[in-house]
Protein backbone atom coordinates (compact mmCIF):
# COMPACT_ATOMS: atom_id res chain seq x y z
CA UNK A 1 32.10 8.39 -6.85
CA UNK A 2 28.94 6.30 -6.53
CA UNK A 3 28.56 3.07 -4.62
CA UNK A 4 26.11 0.20 -5.11
CA UNK A 5 25.43 -2.01 -2.09
CA UNK A 6 24.19 -5.58 -2.10
CA UNK A 7 21.19 -6.31 0.10
CA UNK A 8 23.15 -8.40 2.60
CA UNK A 9 25.69 -5.64 3.08
CA UNK A 10 22.96 -3.07 3.60
CA UNK A 11 21.37 -5.18 6.33
CA UNK A 12 24.62 -5.44 8.27
CA UNK A 13 25.38 -1.73 7.98
CA UNK A 14 21.86 -0.75 9.02
CA UNK A 15 22.24 -2.93 12.10
CA UNK A 16 25.49 -1.16 12.92
CA UNK A 17 23.80 2.20 12.64
CA UNK A 18 20.97 1.13 14.92
CA UNK A 19 23.29 0.19 17.80
CA UNK A 20 26.08 2.72 17.37
CA UNK A 21 29.67 2.31 16.29
CA UNK A 22 30.99 1.57 19.77
CA UNK A 23 28.89 -1.54 20.42
CA UNK A 24 28.58 -4.99 18.92
CA UNK A 25 25.87 -5.15 16.22
CA UNK A 26 22.74 -6.98 17.33
CA UNK A 27 21.71 -8.68 14.11
CA UNK A 28 18.46 -10.61 14.35
CA UNK A 29 18.98 -14.31 13.56
CA UNK A 30 16.59 -15.93 11.07
CA UNK A 31 13.38 -17.02 12.76
CA UNK A 32 13.15 -20.73 13.45
CA UNK A 33 10.29 -22.38 11.66
CA UNK A 34 7.54 -23.70 13.87
CA UNK A 35 6.21 -27.18 13.03
CA UNK A 36 3.01 -27.10 10.99
CA UNK A 37 0.04 -28.69 12.72
CA UNK A 38 -1.17 -29.98 9.38
CA UNK A 39 0.60 -29.62 6.06
CA UNK A 40 -0.48 -30.44 2.53
CA UNK A 41 2.07 -32.72 0.84
CA UNK A 42 4.32 -31.30 -1.88
CA UNK A 43 5.33 -33.41 -4.88
CA UNK A 44 8.43 -32.86 -7.04
CA UNK A 45 7.36 -33.23 -10.67
CA UNK A 46 10.87 -32.82 -12.09
CA UNK A 47 14.20 -31.26 -11.31
CA UNK A 48 17.09 -29.90 -13.38
CA UNK A 49 20.58 -28.84 -12.47
CA UNK A 50 21.58 -25.61 -14.17
CA UNK A 51 25.12 -24.43 -14.72
CA UNK A 52 26.49 -21.92 -12.28
CA UNK A 53 25.66 -20.80 -8.77
CA UNK A 54 23.92 -17.49 -8.30
CA UNK A 55 25.39 -14.85 -6.03
CA UNK A 56 23.54 -12.61 -3.60
CA UNK A 57 22.96 -9.83 -6.13
CA UNK A 58 21.75 -12.14 -8.92
CA UNK A 59 18.10 -11.47 -8.15
CA UNK A 60 16.81 -10.94 -11.69
CA UNK A 61 17.24 -14.43 -13.17
CA UNK A 62 13.70 -15.66 -12.63
CA UNK A 63 12.63 -18.37 -15.09
CA UNK A 64 10.40 -17.09 -17.88
CA UNK A 65 7.33 -19.16 -18.68
CA UNK A 66 5.89 -18.82 -22.19
CA UNK A 67 3.36 -21.36 -23.36
CA UNK A 68 4.72 -24.82 -22.58
CA UNK A 69 8.32 -23.62 -22.53
CA UNK A 70 10.42 -22.47 -19.57
CA UNK A 71 13.46 -20.28 -20.29
CA UNK A 72 16.36 -19.88 -17.87
CA UNK A 73 19.74 -18.14 -18.00
CA UNK A 74 22.77 -17.69 -15.77
CA UNK A 75 25.54 -15.18 -15.14
CA UNK A 76 28.03 -17.08 -17.32
CA UNK A 77 25.98 -16.63 -20.48
CA UNK A 78 24.17 -19.95 -20.68
CA UNK A 79 20.55 -19.93 -21.86
CA UNK A 80 18.34 -23.00 -21.80
CA UNK A 81 14.83 -23.73 -23.08
CA UNK A 82 12.99 -26.48 -21.19
CA UNK A 83 9.73 -28.29 -21.64
CA UNK A 84 7.73 -26.87 -18.72
CA UNK A 85 5.83 -30.11 -18.14
CA UNK A 86 8.74 -32.55 -17.86
CA UNK A 87 11.89 -30.42 -17.63
CA UNK A 88 13.51 -31.85 -20.75
CA UNK A 89 15.91 -29.61 -22.66
CA UNK A 90 14.50 -28.30 -25.95
CA UNK A 91 17.55 -26.21 -26.85
CA UNK A 92 20.47 -24.50 -25.13
CA UNK A 93 23.08 -21.97 -26.18
CA UNK A 94 26.18 -20.41 -24.70
CA UNK A 95 26.11 -16.72 -25.55
CA UNK A 96 29.64 -16.08 -24.26
CA UNK A 97 28.33 -12.95 -22.52
CA UNK A 98 28.23 -11.99 -18.84
CA UNK A 99 24.47 -11.95 -18.54
CA UNK A 100 23.19 -9.86 -15.62
CA UNK A 101 19.41 -10.17 -15.99
CA UNK A 102 16.71 -11.96 -17.90
CA UNK A 103 15.10 -13.40 -19.76
CA UNK A 104 12.47 -10.82 -20.58
CA UNK A 105 9.97 -11.32 -23.37
CA UNK A 106 9.73 -9.26 -26.54
CA UNK A 107 6.26 -9.53 -28.06
CA UNK A 108 3.30 -7.52 -29.25
CA UNK A 109 4.83 -5.19 -31.83
CA UNK A 110 3.06 -6.81 -34.78
CA UNK A 111 6.45 -7.04 -36.50
CA UNK A 112 7.27 -10.70 -37.07
CA UNK A 113 11.02 -10.08 -36.88
CA UNK A 114 10.64 -8.22 -33.57
CA UNK A 115 8.24 -10.56 -31.82
CA UNK A 116 9.08 -13.79 -30.02
CA UNK A 117 12.39 -12.57 -28.64
CA UNK A 118 14.16 -13.44 -25.41
CA UNK A 119 15.74 -10.31 -23.95
CA UNK A 120 18.75 -10.11 -21.63
CA UNK A 121 20.87 -7.43 -19.98
CA UNK A 122 24.60 -7.86 -19.44
CA UNK A 123 27.26 -6.63 -17.03
CA UNK A 124 29.08 -5.16 -20.03
CA UNK A 125 26.42 -2.60 -20.98
CA UNK A 126 24.65 -4.60 -23.66
CA UNK A 127 21.15 -5.77 -24.44
CA UNK A 128 20.91 -9.16 -26.12
CA UNK A 129 17.93 -10.46 -28.11
CA UNK A 130 17.66 -14.18 -28.94
CA UNK A 131 15.12 -15.96 -31.13
CA UNK A 132 12.69 -17.76 -28.87
CA UNK A 133 12.40 -20.84 -31.10
CA UNK A 134 16.11 -21.76 -31.28
CA UNK A 135 18.24 -19.28 -29.28
CA UNK A 136 19.85 -17.68 -32.35
CA UNK A 137 21.08 -14.11 -31.87
CA UNK A 138 18.65 -11.57 -33.32
CA UNK A 139 20.64 -8.49 -32.33
CA UNK A 140 22.89 -6.91 -29.70
CA UNK A 141 22.75 -3.28 -28.64
CA UNK A 142 25.14 -1.21 -26.52
CA UNK A 143 23.82 1.01 -23.73
CA UNK A 144 25.54 3.17 -21.10
CA UNK A 145 26.06 0.69 -18.22
CA UNK A 146 25.02 -2.64 -16.70
CA UNK A 147 21.47 -3.84 -17.24
CA UNK A 148 20.53 -5.65 -14.01
CA UNK A 149 16.75 -5.68 -14.57
CA UNK A 150 15.27 -7.69 -17.45
CA UNK A 151 14.50 -5.62 -20.57
CA UNK A 152 10.80 -5.36 -21.36
CA UNK A 153 9.30 -5.86 -24.80
CA UNK A 154 6.32 -3.66 -25.72
CA UNK A 155 4.41 -2.93 -28.90
CA UNK A 156 6.52 0.23 -29.20
CA UNK A 157 9.95 -1.35 -28.75
CA UNK A 158 12.22 -2.78 -26.06
CA UNK A 159 12.36 -0.74 -22.84
CA UNK A 160 15.66 -0.94 -20.94
CA UNK A 161 16.74 0.42 -17.56
CA UNK A 162 20.48 0.69 -16.86
CA UNK A 163 22.16 0.74 -13.46
CA UNK A 164 23.22 4.38 -13.96
CA UNK A 165 19.51 5.34 -14.00
CA UNK A 166 19.01 5.79 -17.73
CA UNK A 167 15.96 4.55 -19.62
CA UNK A 168 16.25 3.45 -23.25
CA UNK A 169 13.75 2.51 -25.90
CA UNK A 170 15.26 0.26 -28.55
CA UNK A 171 13.81 -0.82 -31.89
CA UNK A 172 12.57 -4.37 -31.36
CA UNK A 173 13.61 -5.50 -34.84
CA UNK A 174 17.16 -4.13 -34.87
CA UNK A 175 18.12 -2.95 -31.36
CA UNK A 176 18.67 0.57 -32.70
CA UNK A 177 18.27 3.31 -30.08
CA UNK A 178 15.02 5.24 -30.43
CA UNK A 179 15.37 7.48 -27.38
CA UNK A 180 17.10 7.70 -24.01
CA UNK A 181 16.32 9.61 -20.82
CA UNK A 182 18.66 10.09 -17.84
CA UNK A 183 17.95 10.54 -14.13
CA UNK A 184 20.29 11.70 -11.34
CA UNK A 185 21.89 8.86 -9.33
CA UNK A 186 22.43 9.21 -5.56
CA UNK A 187 25.91 8.60 -4.13
CA UNK A 188 24.84 5.41 -2.33
CA UNK A 189 22.24 3.00 -3.74
CA UNK A 190 21.23 -0.64 -3.66
CA UNK A 191 22.73 -2.91 -6.30
CA UNK A 192 19.57 -3.43 -8.27
CA UNK A 193 16.98 -1.62 -10.36
CA UNK A 194 13.33 -1.96 -11.16
CA UNK A 195 12.32 -2.88 -14.69
CA UNK A 196 10.35 -0.49 -16.92
CA UNK A 197 6.59 -1.12 -17.00
CA UNK A 198 4.19 -0.20 -19.80
CA UNK A 199 1.17 1.86 -18.73
CA UNK A 200 -0.96 2.85 -21.70
CA UNK A 201 1.30 4.94 -23.93
CA UNK A 202 3.78 5.57 -21.12
CA UNK A 203 6.79 3.74 -19.74
CA UNK A 204 6.87 3.92 -15.94
CA UNK A 205 10.19 3.51 -14.12
CA UNK A 206 11.25 3.68 -10.46
CA UNK A 207 14.64 5.24 -9.65
CA UNK A 208 17.31 5.12 -6.95
CA UNK A 209 16.43 8.67 -5.85
CA UNK A 210 12.97 7.47 -4.78
CA UNK A 211 10.97 8.87 -7.69
CA UNK A 212 8.57 7.17 -10.07
CA UNK A 213 8.70 8.68 -13.56
CA UNK A 214 6.39 8.25 -16.53
CA UNK A 215 7.74 8.81 -20.07
CA UNK A 216 5.92 9.10 -23.38
CA UNK A 217 6.63 5.76 -25.00
CA UNK A 218 7.10 7.28 -28.46
CA UNK A 219 9.68 10.00 -27.79
CA UNK A 220 10.77 9.67 -24.14
CA UNK A 221 9.44 13.01 -22.94
CA UNK A 222 8.68 13.16 -19.23
CA UNK A 223 4.90 13.08 -18.61
CA UNK A 224 4.94 13.21 -14.80
CA UNK A 225 7.08 12.44 -11.76
CA UNK A 226 5.82 11.13 -8.41
CA UNK A 227 7.68 10.81 -5.12
CA UNK A 228 7.74 7.27 -3.65
CA UNK A 229 10.56 7.38 -1.11
CA UNK A 230 11.23 10.39 1.12
CA UNK A 231 14.82 10.55 2.50
CA UNK A 232 15.10 10.21 6.27
CA UNK A 233 18.05 10.56 8.62
CA UNK A 234 21.36 12.37 8.09
CA UNK A 235 23.72 9.75 6.65
CA UNK A 236 23.75 8.70 3.01
CA UNK A 237 22.96 5.14 4.09
CA UNK A 238 19.91 6.19 6.07
CA UNK A 239 18.72 8.22 3.09
CA UNK A 240 18.73 5.30 0.62
CA UNK A 241 15.25 5.16 -0.90
CA UNK A 242 15.74 3.06 -4.04
CA UNK A 243 12.71 1.88 -5.98
CA UNK A 244 13.99 -1.61 -6.86
CA UNK A 245 10.69 -3.52 -7.03
CA UNK A 246 8.88 -3.34 -10.35
CA UNK A 247 5.88 -0.98 -10.34
CA UNK A 248 2.50 -2.65 -10.88
CA UNK A 249 -0.23 -1.16 -13.08
CA UNK A 250 -3.86 -2.14 -12.39
CA UNK A 251 -7.06 -0.42 -13.56
CA UNK A 252 -5.53 3.01 -14.09
CA UNK A 253 -3.54 3.00 -10.83
CA UNK A 254 0.22 2.48 -10.48
CA UNK A 255 1.60 0.96 -7.28
CA UNK A 256 5.27 1.32 -6.29
CA UNK A 257 7.40 0.76 -3.20
CA UNK A 258 10.83 1.95 -2.11
CA UNK A 259 13.55 0.71 0.22
CA UNK A 260 13.34 2.56 3.58
CA UNK A 261 10.41 4.52 2.23
CA UNK A 262 6.77 4.07 1.29
CA UNK A 263 4.31 2.03 -0.68
CA UNK A 264 2.23 4.38 -2.82
CA UNK A 265 -0.70 4.31 -5.21
CA UNK A 266 -0.70 7.01 -7.90
CA UNK A 267 -3.12 7.88 -10.65
CA UNK A 268 -1.82 6.56 -13.97
CA UNK A 269 -2.77 9.54 -16.12
CA UNK A 270 -1.49 12.30 -13.83
CA UNK A 271 0.87 10.78 -11.25
CA UNK A 272 -1.34 12.22 -8.48
CA UNK A 273 -0.82 10.49 -5.15
CA UNK A 274 -3.93 8.53 -4.09
CA UNK A 275 -2.55 7.07 -0.85
CA UNK A 276 0.71 6.08 0.81
CA UNK A 277 1.89 4.07 3.80
CA UNK A 278 5.29 3.48 5.37
CA UNK A 279 6.93 0.37 3.95
CA UNK A 280 10.48 -0.75 3.18
CA UNK A 281 10.72 -3.37 0.44
CA UNK A 282 12.92 -4.23 -2.52
CA UNK A 283 11.31 -7.40 -3.91
CA UNK A 284 8.44 -7.49 -6.39
CA UNK A 285 4.87 -7.63 -5.14
CA UNK A 286 1.54 -8.80 -6.54
CA UNK A 287 -2.02 -7.49 -6.64
CA UNK A 288 -5.37 -9.24 -7.00
CA UNK A 289 -8.89 -7.83 -7.22
CA UNK A 290 -8.77 -6.12 -3.82
CA UNK A 291 -5.45 -6.86 -2.08
CA UNK A 292 -1.75 -6.10 -2.37
CA UNK A 293 0.61 -8.86 -1.24
CA UNK A 294 4.12 -7.72 -0.39
CA UNK A 295 7.22 -8.86 1.51
CA UNK A 296 8.95 -6.17 3.54
CA UNK A 297 12.66 -5.74 4.27
CA UNK A 298 12.37 -7.75 7.51
CA UNK A 299 10.87 -10.78 5.76
CA UNK A 300 7.27 -10.16 6.90
CA UNK A 301 4.56 -10.94 4.37
CA UNK A 302 1.64 -8.51 4.26
CA UNK A 303 -1.83 -8.34 2.75
CA UNK A 304 -2.97 -4.74 2.30
CA UNK A 305 -6.20 -3.20 1.12
CA UNK A 306 -5.69 -2.17 -2.50
CA UNK A 307 -7.91 0.88 -2.18
CA UNK A 308 -6.38 2.38 0.98
CA UNK A 309 -3.14 0.55 1.84
CA UNK A 310 -4.56 -0.50 5.22
CA UNK A 311 -3.12 -3.72 6.67
CA UNK A 312 -5.43 -6.74 6.50
CA UNK A 313 -2.98 -9.30 7.89
CA UNK A 314 0.75 -9.78 8.45
CA UNK A 315 2.72 -13.00 8.67
CA UNK A 316 5.86 -12.28 10.73
CA UNK A 317 6.99 -15.87 11.39
CA UNK A 318 9.58 -15.58 8.60
CA UNK A 319 11.43 -12.66 10.19
CA UNK A 320 15.03 -12.33 9.03
CA UNK A 321 14.84 -15.23 6.58
CA UNK A 322 15.52 -13.17 3.43
CA UNK A 323 12.08 -13.88 2.01
CA UNK A 324 11.37 -13.46 -1.70
CA UNK A 325 8.48 -11.53 -3.13
CA UNK A 326 5.16 -13.42 -3.13
CA UNK A 327 3.35 -15.04 -6.05
CA UNK A 328 -0.32 -16.02 -6.16
CA UNK A 329 -1.54 -19.55 -6.87
CA UNK A 330 -5.26 -20.03 -6.44
CA UNK A 331 -6.07 -19.65 -2.74
CA UNK A 332 -2.39 -19.50 -1.80
CA UNK A 333 0.56 -17.14 -1.68
CA UNK A 334 3.99 -18.67 -2.26
CA UNK A 335 7.30 -17.28 -1.01
CA UNK A 336 10.77 -18.79 -0.55
CA UNK A 337 13.69 -17.94 1.72
CA UNK A 338 17.48 -17.98 1.88
CA UNK A 339 17.48 -21.17 3.93
CA UNK A 340 15.95 -22.96 0.95
CA UNK A 341 12.37 -23.34 2.17
CA UNK A 342 9.31 -22.74 -0.02
CA UNK A 343 6.20 -21.66 1.92
CA UNK A 344 2.53 -21.83 0.94
CA UNK A 345 0.38 -19.29 2.82
CA UNK A 346 -3.40 -18.90 2.79
CA UNK A 347 -4.40 -15.73 0.96
CA UNK A 348 -7.30 -14.99 3.30
CA UNK A 349 -5.34 -14.75 6.57
CA UNK A 350 -1.66 -15.62 5.92
CA UNK A 351 -1.50 -18.87 7.91
CA UNK A 352 0.95 -21.53 6.71
CA UNK A 353 -0.52 -24.31 4.60
CA UNK A 354 2.58 -26.22 3.46
CA UNK A 355 6.33 -25.98 3.09
CA UNK A 356 9.06 -27.70 1.13
CA UNK A 357 12.84 -27.61 1.63
CA UNK A 358 14.83 -27.43 -1.60
CA UNK A 359 17.75 -29.86 -1.57
CA UNK A 360 16.56 -31.43 1.65
CA UNK A 361 18.78 -34.50 1.22
CA UNK A 362 21.94 -32.62 0.24
CA UNK A 363 21.60 -29.70 2.64
CA UNK A 364 20.10 -26.25 2.47
CA UNK A 365 19.96 -24.54 -0.93
CA UNK A 366 19.32 -20.79 -0.56
CA UNK A 367 16.57 -19.26 -2.71
CA UNK A 368 16.80 -15.57 -3.64
CA UNK A 369 14.58 -15.59 -6.74
CA UNK A 370 10.82 -15.31 -6.52
CA UNK A 371 9.13 -18.56 -7.63
CA UNK A 372 7.16 -18.73 -10.88
CA UNK A 373 3.64 -20.17 -11.00
CA UNK A 374 1.68 -21.80 -13.83
CA UNK A 375 -1.70 -23.21 -12.84
CA UNK A 376 -0.92 -25.84 -10.17
CA UNK A 377 2.85 -25.98 -10.78
CA UNK A 378 5.46 -23.88 -8.96
CA UNK A 379 8.91 -23.48 -10.49
CA UNK A 380 11.63 -22.77 -7.93
CA UNK A 381 15.21 -21.82 -8.75
CA UNK A 382 17.83 -22.32 -6.06
CA UNK A 383 21.05 -20.33 -5.80
CA UNK A 384 23.18 -23.45 -6.25
CA UNK A 385 21.84 -24.17 -9.73
CA UNK A 386 18.82 -26.29 -8.84
CA UNK A 387 15.52 -25.85 -10.68
CA UNK A 388 12.49 -27.82 -9.49
CA UNK A 389 8.85 -28.06 -10.52
CA UNK A 390 6.62 -28.53 -7.47
CA UNK A 391 2.96 -29.36 -7.04
CA UNK A 392 0.86 -29.07 -3.91
CA UNK A 393 -1.32 -32.12 -3.47
CA UNK A 394 -4.82 -31.30 -2.33
């Protein structure tokens, strides 16, 4: 029997382990926000109310920006296309499916019938492809289990990762299975998976057992395997080392991080370890020309040297606030937290520049999904169905 834990549940159990079973757990409360000495004003360009509320494990419903369209979905099967500039509905469909992740984008195959697809995973072991122009169903394909990370379209097909640690490549035009590869699943894991990432002619995937595997994109053969997380402790909980954040590929180097494990840089062609540092994270991270920006399990935001992993700065004033992964916008990093606050941080040293509380008039609206950025606009999706387009006034 295997068990998948939500992030909130893991935090409570880890606290129990740290203090012993005979004592009361000492769970750190969310850090109180200190007033900003000076804050740039934030303007709401538009807001939309989506359909259903998101639960704690619905972390893979980030809006998808493509051109001047913004695509959003929910766990009850609703999919909506919005004008990204004004928030007006272009089209919407009810798929009738229990969508678990998406949308992902299917493009680049050169096959007109396979390009311009919106890709979704479901709780009922299916992959769904919709036409991007009108939401019509292009195809549905059955896989082995839930798909809780968005499928990824590549020029070779649609790459899919299932929650039972299988990787599929599907034909982008029909959804037909091209190949599948399985990995062993630990007894206890986080309820989440990383999405497959294309690296040259390989698909790179992080697994719940702490490994990062590269497969030949054409036939699914294993090219190399690298160790990201190294199990520690004696209990199954202490040994959880899931790779839930999506790997990042930059200039021939692949970066990956595990829960209760490490952040590593490996050589793309060989999987050879270039450097590693201790880090526990499960949200996606971003990389620029010389830095890695990442949020750790405690809610601290870090800037690390891309070449060595050395710490350049750390912002720990968001401790315990369930902070999302960061996104880059010009000179700023943007993160959000479960108390509904969006934070702008300076990229050079991590100091706070501005903040905005989602649903300020109606009460706190938790945010579990990493914001999406397009030029000077930030799209933020709240767990209660709110979607807002924000702009930082300079």
